[in-house]
Protein backbone atom coordinates (compact mmCIF):
# COMPACT_ATOMS: atom_id res chain seq x y z
CA UNK A 1 -71.96 -28.45 -62.44
CA UNK A 2 -68.99 -27.44 -63.68
CA UNK A 3 -68.18 -23.79 -63.30
CA UNK A 4 -66.42 -21.97 -66.21
CA UNK A 5 -65.63 -19.20 -63.56
CA UNK A 6 -65.75 -18.90 -60.13
CA UNK A 7 -65.39 -14.96 -57.94
CA UNK A 8 -64.85 -11.23 -59.00
CA UNK A 9 -62.44 -11.81 -62.23
CA UNK A 10 -64.03 -10.59 -64.76
CA UNK A 11 -64.50 -6.94 -66.21
CA UNK A 12 -64.18 -3.51 -65.03
CA UNK A 13 -62.70 -1.66 -62.05
CA UNK A 14 -60.70 -4.18 -61.13
CA UNK A 15 -56.81 -4.91 -62.49
CA UNK A 16 -57.33 -8.79 -64.56
CA UNK A 17 -56.29 -11.86 -62.13
CA UNK A 18 -53.00 -12.88 -62.66
CA UNK A 19 -52.33 -15.63 -64.33
CA UNK A 20 -49.07 -16.45 -63.98
CA UNK A 21 -46.84 -17.61 -61.15
CA UNK A 22 -45.62 -15.22 -59.29
CA UNK A 23 -41.64 -14.62 -57.98
CA UNK A 24 -41.57 -15.26 -54.05
CA UNK A 25 -39.40 -13.94 -51.43
CA UNK A 26 -38.30 -15.69 -48.81
CA UNK A 27 -40.49 -18.06 -47.33
CA UNK A 28 -39.32 -17.07 -43.58
CA UNK A 29 -40.14 -13.04 -44.80
CA UNK A 30 -43.90 -14.57 -44.46
CA UNK A 31 -43.67 -16.74 -41.65
CA UNK A 32 -44.01 -14.10 -39.18
CA UNK A 33 -46.24 -15.04 -36.09
CA UNK A 34 -45.95 -11.50 -34.28
CA UNK A 35 -48.70 -10.98 -37.43
CA UNK A 36 -51.61 -12.38 -36.72
CA UNK A 37 -52.97 -11.76 -40.33
CA UNK A 38 -51.92 -13.11 -43.41
CA UNK A 39 -52.74 -11.96 -46.46
CA UNK A 40 -53.23 -13.57 -49.80
CA UNK A 41 -52.17 -12.25 -52.72
CA UNK A 42 -51.28 -15.00 -55.48
CA UNK A 43 -51.99 -15.97 -58.29
CA UNK A 44 -55.89 -15.71 -59.00
CA UNK A 45 -55.75 -12.68 -56.50
CA UNK A 46 -57.03 -9.32 -57.71
CA UNK A 47 -54.67 -6.63 -56.92
CA UNK A 48 -56.66 -3.53 -56.85
CA UNK A 49 -58.97 -6.10 -53.95
CA UNK A 50 -55.34 -7.10 -52.30
CA UNK A 51 -54.96 -3.81 -52.03
CA UNK A 52 -58.40 -3.05 -50.79
CA UNK A 53 -58.35 -5.72 -48.22
CA UNK A 54 -54.40 -3.86 -47.22
CA UNK A 55 -56.12 -0.61 -46.53
CA UNK A 56 -58.67 -2.15 -44.30
CA UNK A 57 -56.20 -3.87 -42.12
CA UNK A 58 -54.33 -0.72 -41.41
CA UNK A 59 -57.38 1.84 -41.16
CA UNK A 60 -57.50 -1.15 -37.84
CA UNK A 61 -53.71 -1.04 -37.72
CA UNK A 62 -53.99 -4.81 -37.35
CA UNK A 63 -50.11 -6.12 -38.61
CA UNK A 64 -50.07 -8.82 -41.57
CA UNK A 65 -48.17 -10.92 -43.83
CA UNK A 66 -48.89 -11.54 -47.38
CA UNK A 67 -47.90 -14.94 -48.89
CA UNK A 68 -47.76 -15.42 -52.52
CA UNK A 69 -48.93 -18.70 -54.21
CA UNK A 70 -45.92 -20.44 -54.13
CA UNK A 71 -44.94 -18.44 -50.33
CA UNK A 72 -48.46 -20.64 -49.60
CA UNK A 73 -47.50 -23.91 -51.46
CA UNK A 74 -43.93 -24.09 -49.15
CA UNK A 75 -45.92 -23.41 -45.76
CA UNK A 76 -46.43 -25.97 -43.45
CA UNK A 77 -49.72 -26.22 -41.16
CA UNK A 78 -47.46 -25.77 -37.81
CA UNK A 79 -46.61 -22.07 -39.72
CA UNK A 80 -49.75 -21.70 -41.22
CA UNK A 81 -51.33 -21.89 -36.88
CA UNK A 82 -48.51 -19.12 -36.45
CA UNK A 83 -51.07 -16.99 -37.48
CA UNK A 84 -54.37 -16.34 -36.36
CA UNK A 85 -56.67 -15.37 -39.74
CA UNK A 86 -55.96 -16.23 -43.32
CA UNK A 87 -57.29 -13.89 -45.99
CA UNK A 88 -57.95 -15.27 -49.24
CA UNK A 89 -60.11 -11.86 -51.51
CA UNK A 90 -61.59 -11.32 -54.54
CA UNK A 91 -60.20 -12.83 -58.15
CA UNK A 92 -61.05 -16.68 -59.73
CA UNK A 93 -61.38 -18.87 -56.88
CA UNK A 94 -60.46 -21.74 -60.04
CA UNK A 95 -56.92 -19.82 -60.52
CA UNK A 96 -56.08 -19.40 -56.79
CA UNK A 97 -56.73 -23.26 -56.91
CA UNK A 98 -54.88 -24.49 -60.57
CA UNK A 99 -51.36 -22.58 -58.59
CA UNK A 100 -51.77 -24.85 -54.89
CA UNK A 101 -50.91 -28.17 -54.01
CA UNK A 102 -53.67 -29.81 -52.57
CA UNK A 103 -51.00 -30.51 -50.29
CA UNK A 104 -51.83 -26.58 -49.52
CA UNK A 105 -54.72 -26.58 -49.45
CA UNK A 106 -55.37 -29.02 -47.49
CA UNK A 107 -52.68 -27.77 -44.82
CA UNK A 108 -54.79 -25.32 -44.71
CA UNK A 109 -58.05 -27.54 -44.11
CA UNK A 110 -56.33 -28.87 -41.57
CA UNK A 111 -54.60 -25.61 -40.16
CA UNK A 112 -58.30 -24.23 -39.41
CA UNK A 113 -60.30 -27.64 -38.58
CA UNK A 114 -57.69 -28.79 -36.42
CA UNK A 115 -55.58 -25.75 -35.39
CA UNK A 116 -57.65 -23.25 -35.31
CA UNK A 117 -56.77 -20.86 -37.50
CA UNK A 118 -59.43 -18.48 -38.61
CA UNK A 119 -60.25 -17.63 -41.86
CA UNK A 120 -62.54 -14.60 -44.13
CA UNK A 121 -63.16 -15.70 -47.54
CA UNK A 122 -64.04 -12.44 -49.84
CA UNK A 123 -65.96 -13.26 -53.27
CA UNK A 124 -63.57 -15.50 -55.07
CA UNK A 125 -62.81 -16.00 -51.50
CA UNK A 126 -65.67 -17.61 -50.63
CA UNK A 127 -66.11 -19.82 -53.48
CA UNK A 128 -62.37 -20.91 -52.19
CA UNK A 129 -63.48 -21.75 -48.81
CA UNK A 130 -66.52 -24.40 -49.76
CA UNK A 131 -66.12 -27.52 -51.66
CA UNK A 132 -64.87 -27.34 -54.79
CA UNK A 133 -63.42 -29.80 -57.69
CA UNK A 134 -61.04 -26.86 -58.10
CA UNK A 135 -58.82 -27.32 -55.44
CA UNK A 136 -61.31 -25.83 -52.63
CA UNK A 137 -60.96 -25.88 -48.95
CA UNK A 138 -63.85 -27.35 -47.79
CA UNK A 139 -64.32 -25.77 -44.65
CA UNK A 140 -67.89 -26.02 -45.09
CA UNK A 141 -68.12 -29.69 -44.83
CA UNK A 142 -69.05 -30.60 -48.77
CA UNK A 143 -70.88 -27.81 -49.43
CA UNK A 144 -70.40 -25.84 -52.79
CA UNK A 145 -71.46 -22.91 -54.34
CA UNK A 146 -72.82 -21.28 -56.67
CA UNK A 147 -73.09 -17.82 -58.12
CA UNK A 148 -76.08 -14.98 -56.14
CA UNK A 149 -78.77 -15.28 -59.35
CA UNK A 150 -77.76 -11.78 -60.34
CA UNK A 151 -75.13 -13.58 -62.64
CA UNK A 152 -77.70 -15.57 -64.09
CA UNK A 153 -79.24 -12.65 -65.86
CA UNK A 154 -76.36 -11.15 -67.27
CA UNK A 155 -75.11 -8.86 -64.91
CA UNK A 156 -71.86 -8.94 -63.50
CA UNK A 157 -70.94 -5.84 -61.77
CA UNK A 158 -73.96 -3.93 -59.49
CA UNK A 159 -74.78 -2.15 -56.39
CA UNK A 160 -77.03 -4.44 -54.16
CA UNK A 161 -78.67 -3.63 -50.86
CA UNK A 162 -78.36 -6.81 -48.42
CA UNK A 163 -80.09 -6.91 -45.51
CA UNK A 164 -79.60 -7.84 -41.68
CA UNK A 165 -81.14 -9.19 -39.14
CA UNK A 166 -84.07 -6.41 -37.74
CA UNK A 167 -84.26 -5.21 -41.30
CA UNK A 168 -81.24 -2.54 -41.80
CA UNK A 169 -79.59 -2.79 -45.59
CA UNK A 170 -76.29 -2.00 -47.01
CA UNK A 171 -75.72 -1.27 -50.14
CA UNK A 172 -72.70 -2.65 -51.13
CA UNK A 173 -70.17 -3.77 -54.50
CA UNK A 174 -70.66 -7.26 -56.02
CA UNK A 175 -69.11 -8.72 -58.73
CA UNK A 176 -69.54 -12.02 -59.62
CA UNK A 177 -69.85 -13.41 -56.30
CA UNK A 178 -71.47 -16.27 -54.63
CA UNK A 179 -74.18 -16.35 -52.42
CA UNK A 180 -74.28 -19.20 -49.60
CA UNK A 181 -77.27 -21.00 -49.37
CA UNK A 182 -77.26 -24.99 -46.97
CA UNK A 183 -74.04 -23.22 -44.87
CA UNK A 184 -73.14 -21.55 -41.45
CA UNK A 185 -75.63 -18.94 -40.17
CA UNK A 186 -76.36 -16.11 -42.16
CA UNK A 187 -75.53 -12.59 -41.07
CA UNK A 188 -76.59 -11.35 -44.62
CA UNK A 189 -79.53 -11.92 -47.06
CA UNK A 190 -79.06 -11.00 -51.33
CA UNK A 191 -82.39 -9.54 -52.25
CA UNK A 192 -84.03 -12.55 -53.02
CA UNK A 193 -82.55 -13.88 -50.12
CA UNK A 194 -80.25 -16.26 -50.76
CA UNK A 195 -76.84 -15.76 -48.05
CA UNK A 196 -74.39 -12.49 -48.39
CA UNK A 197 -72.73 -13.51 -46.01
CA UNK A 198 -71.83 -16.05 -43.37
CA UNK A 199 -70.13 -17.29 -40.24
CA UNK A 200 -69.39 -20.76 -38.53
CA UNK A 201 -67.65 -23.15 -37.07
CA UNK A 202 -65.37 -25.26 -39.31
CA UNK A 203 -63.69 -28.04 -36.80
CA UNK A 204 -62.30 -25.65 -34.33
CA UNK A 205 -61.61 -22.48 -36.51
CA UNK A 206 -63.88 -19.52 -37.23
CA UNK A 207 -64.87 -19.00 -40.33
CA UNK A 208 -66.86 -16.04 -42.51
CA UNK A 209 -67.89 -16.40 -46.00
CA UNK A 210 -68.60 -13.00 -47.95
CA UNK A 211 -70.22 -12.59 -51.94
CA UNK A 212 -70.07 -8.77 -52.01
CA UNK A 213 -67.57 -6.24 -51.49
CA UNK A 214 -67.33 -4.33 -48.65
CA UNK A 215 -63.70 -2.98 -48.77
CA UNK A 216 -64.78 -1.64 -52.07
CA UNK A 217 -63.69 2.44 -52.59
CA UNK A 218 -65.01 4.99 -53.97
CA UNK A 219 -62.98 4.27 -57.47
CA UNK A 220 -65.30 0.64 -57.66
CA UNK A 221 -68.31 2.63 -57.69
CA UNK A 222 -68.08 4.65 -61.59
CA UNK A 223 -71.22 4.05 -63.35
CA UNK A 224 -73.19 3.04 -60.94
CA UNK A 225 -76.03 4.07 -58.14
CA UNK A 226 -75.49 3.45 -53.93
CA UNK A 227 -77.86 4.52 -50.79
CA UNK A 228 -74.73 4.13 -48.79
CA UNK A 229 -71.97 6.09 -48.40
CA UNK A 230 -68.32 4.38 -48.69
CA UNK A 231 -67.08 5.40 -45.76
CA UNK A 232 -69.78 3.32 -44.21
CA UNK A 233 -68.86 -0.13 -46.29
CA UNK A 234 -65.87 0.15 -45.69
CA UNK A 235 -66.88 0.01 -41.75
CA UNK A 236 -68.49 -2.86 -42.43
CA UNK A 237 -65.55 -4.20 -43.83
CA UNK A 238 -63.71 -3.57 -40.78
CA UNK A 239 -66.22 -5.51 -38.61
CA UNK A 240 -66.22 -8.55 -41.04
CA UNK A 241 -62.32 -8.31 -40.76
CA UNK A 242 -62.75 -7.79 -37.10
CA UNK A 243 -65.48 -10.81 -36.04
CA UNK A 244 -62.78 -13.36 -38.21
CA UNK A 245 -59.91 -12.52 -35.80
CA UNK A 246 -61.59 -13.20 -32.97
CA UNK A 247 -63.59 -15.50 -33.94
CA UNK A 248 -66.83 -12.95 -32.94
CA UNK A 249 -70.04 -14.00 -34.04
CA UNK A 250 -72.03 -11.46 -35.43
CA UNK A 251 -75.81 -10.64 -35.35
CA UNK A 252 -77.42 -14.01 -37.89
CA UNK A 253 -80.70 -15.16 -38.88
């Protein structure tokens, strides 16, 4: 199946995903092994979601570097492996892949599979972490992912009640995000039972993929009703970031 869009790059409270290559800083400014996290903010990501993830990292007190597409393209596998965790946030995974070289996605793939880099993909970053004909990372042994079913009902953003083992639930923001049938351990499910959050080993690396946006601030909730507070959903985002950073397995089905 050929997708015309892959990830949260549609309408609404997000800024439009960047379609143009960005002016890079020196790669030496990015490659700082004293910072455990590298946050991708390149072409195809959405600035509002990059900012939301940055807020989570700040709240956790985790030092991080950012890399745009040009900077990531210039990094070697060894440089990538000077970090512990790569985070790819929301946007459009097709555009993300378009502006990264095939050698870059291979380097990231190998940094995870062989070098032990951890990976957290949120929405478009979840699509990008799977197999894709659009230069995806294939951290999922050839498994590709489709949209959560509400996308095919003409819904592109909403609050969704995801559920956890034991029956607890959380109402979180969703926008054109994936479901992850067929890979990893299921940490949370969408209302239709498909996987909303998954985790698993990818070679010697640790991968968490999320089809929802627990990091979403209050401003994204305009026009929608939520039963869960912003504090509770962003608290879950902190849990996902911490688990991805430390390679911690969360409760799963």
